[in-house]
Protein backbone atom coordinates (compact mmCIF):
# COMPACT_ATOMS: atom_id res chain seq x y z
CA MET A 1 20.28 8.59 6.95
CA ALA A 2 17.27 9.82 5.00
CA ALA A 3 14.08 10.60 6.90
CA GLU A 4 11.32 8.04 6.64
CA GLN A 5 8.35 8.91 4.48
CA ARG A 6 4.64 8.17 4.43
CA MET A 7 2.94 7.09 1.21
CA GLU A 8 -0.81 6.98 0.80
CA LEU A 9 -2.26 5.18 -2.23
CA ARG A 10 -5.79 4.80 -3.59
CA ILE A 11 -5.83 1.94 -6.05
CA PHE A 12 -8.68 1.67 -8.56
CA GLY A 13 -9.71 -1.15 -10.87
CA ARG A 14 -10.54 -4.78 -10.10
CA VAL A 15 -8.80 -4.70 -6.72
CA GLN A 16 -11.40 -6.12 -4.33
CA GLY A 17 -12.18 -9.82 -4.11
CA VAL A 18 -8.75 -10.74 -5.52
CA ALA A 19 -6.74 -10.93 -2.24
CA PHE A 20 -5.15 -7.55 -2.96
CA ARG A 21 -4.98 -6.59 0.73
CA TRP A 22 -3.31 -9.84 1.78
CA TYR A 23 -0.69 -9.66 -0.96
CA ALA A 24 -0.11 -5.96 -0.21
CA GLN A 25 0.44 -6.80 3.46
CA SER A 26 2.94 -9.51 2.53
CA ALA A 27 4.79 -7.21 0.13
CA ALA A 28 4.91 -4.36 2.65
CA ARG A 29 6.13 -6.57 5.47
CA GLY A 30 8.78 -8.05 3.19
CA LEU A 31 10.02 -4.52 2.48
CA GLY A 32 10.12 -3.64 6.18
CA LEU A 33 7.28 -1.12 5.94
CA THR A 34 4.63 -0.31 8.53
CA GLY A 35 1.07 0.85 7.88
CA TRP A 36 -2.26 -0.57 6.81
CA VAL A 37 -4.46 -1.46 3.85
CA ARG A 38 -8.26 -1.52 3.56
CA ASN A 39 -11.12 -1.83 1.09
CA ARG A 40 -13.18 1.28 0.37
CA ALA A 41 -16.93 1.38 -0.29
CA ASP A 42 -16.32 2.73 -3.82
CA GLY A 43 -14.50 -0.50 -4.82
CA SER A 44 -10.99 0.89 -4.45
CA VAL A 45 -8.25 -0.12 -2.03
CA GLN A 46 -6.59 2.42 0.25
CA LEU A 47 -3.05 1.81 1.47
CA MET A 48 -0.86 3.79 3.87
CA ALA A 49 2.76 2.77 4.36
CA GLU A 50 5.74 4.28 6.14
CA GLY A 51 9.42 3.56 5.66
CA SER A 52 12.35 4.35 3.43
CA SER A 53 11.76 6.08 0.13
CA SER A 54 13.25 3.16 -1.81
CA ALA A 55 11.02 0.60 -0.06
CA LEU A 56 7.97 2.78 -0.72
CA ASP A 57 8.99 3.01 -4.39
CA ASP A 58 9.17 -0.80 -4.51
CA LEU A 59 5.71 -1.13 -2.94
CA ARG A 60 4.31 1.41 -5.42
CA ARG A 61 5.72 -0.63 -8.31
CA TRP A 62 4.14 -3.77 -6.83
CA ALA A 63 0.78 -1.97 -6.46
CA GLU A 64 0.82 -1.01 -10.14
CA ARG A 65 0.56 -4.74 -10.95
CA GLY A 66 -1.08 -6.18 -7.82
CA PRO A 67 -1.72 -9.90 -7.45
CA GLY A 68 -2.42 -12.06 -10.50
CA GLN A 69 -6.22 -11.72 -10.46
CA ALA A 70 -6.18 -7.93 -10.05
CA ARG A 71 -6.51 -5.29 -12.74
CA VAL A 72 -5.12 -1.94 -11.66
CA ASP A 73 -6.54 0.93 -13.72
CA ARG A 74 -5.30 3.94 -11.78
CA ILE A 75 -3.40 4.92 -8.62
CA GLU A 76 -3.56 8.19 -6.71
CA GLU A 77 -0.49 8.85 -4.55
CA ASN A 78 0.42 11.31 -1.82
CA ARG A 79 3.71 11.40 0.10
CA SER A 80 4.67 13.22 3.27
CA GLU A 81 6.95 12.89 6.26
CA ALA A 82 6.32 9.72 8.29
CA ALA A 83 4.28 10.13 11.47
CA GLY A 84 5.64 6.94 13.04
CA THR A 85 2.26 5.89 14.44
CA CYS A 86 2.23 2.29 13.14
CA THR A 87 4.24 -0.64 14.47
CA GLY A 88 3.22 -3.35 11.99
CA PHE A 89 1.32 -3.64 8.72
CA GLU A 90 -2.37 -4.39 9.25
CA ILE A 91 -5.40 -5.27 7.13
CA TYR A 92 -8.64 -3.45 7.88
CA GLY A 93 -12.18 -3.84 6.45
């Protein structure tokens, strides 16, 4: 079995005020991922998820589109080995 991975995304564009965090939480939970998502002061959304590489790939593809009202201009991504510190997928400020 492949080791679980951690993916950190910073999503830029029109991603606040469009329910991006709530849809991201739903997508991540549906994929069996753990982690969190939050708004940043610069108008971006930051997301950290842990799980299988294929599930993280699916979440990344979802994030490229986002919910219907969003406009994603750019995504920064970093991956590493999972730390296993999260038990669910939470929304923060």
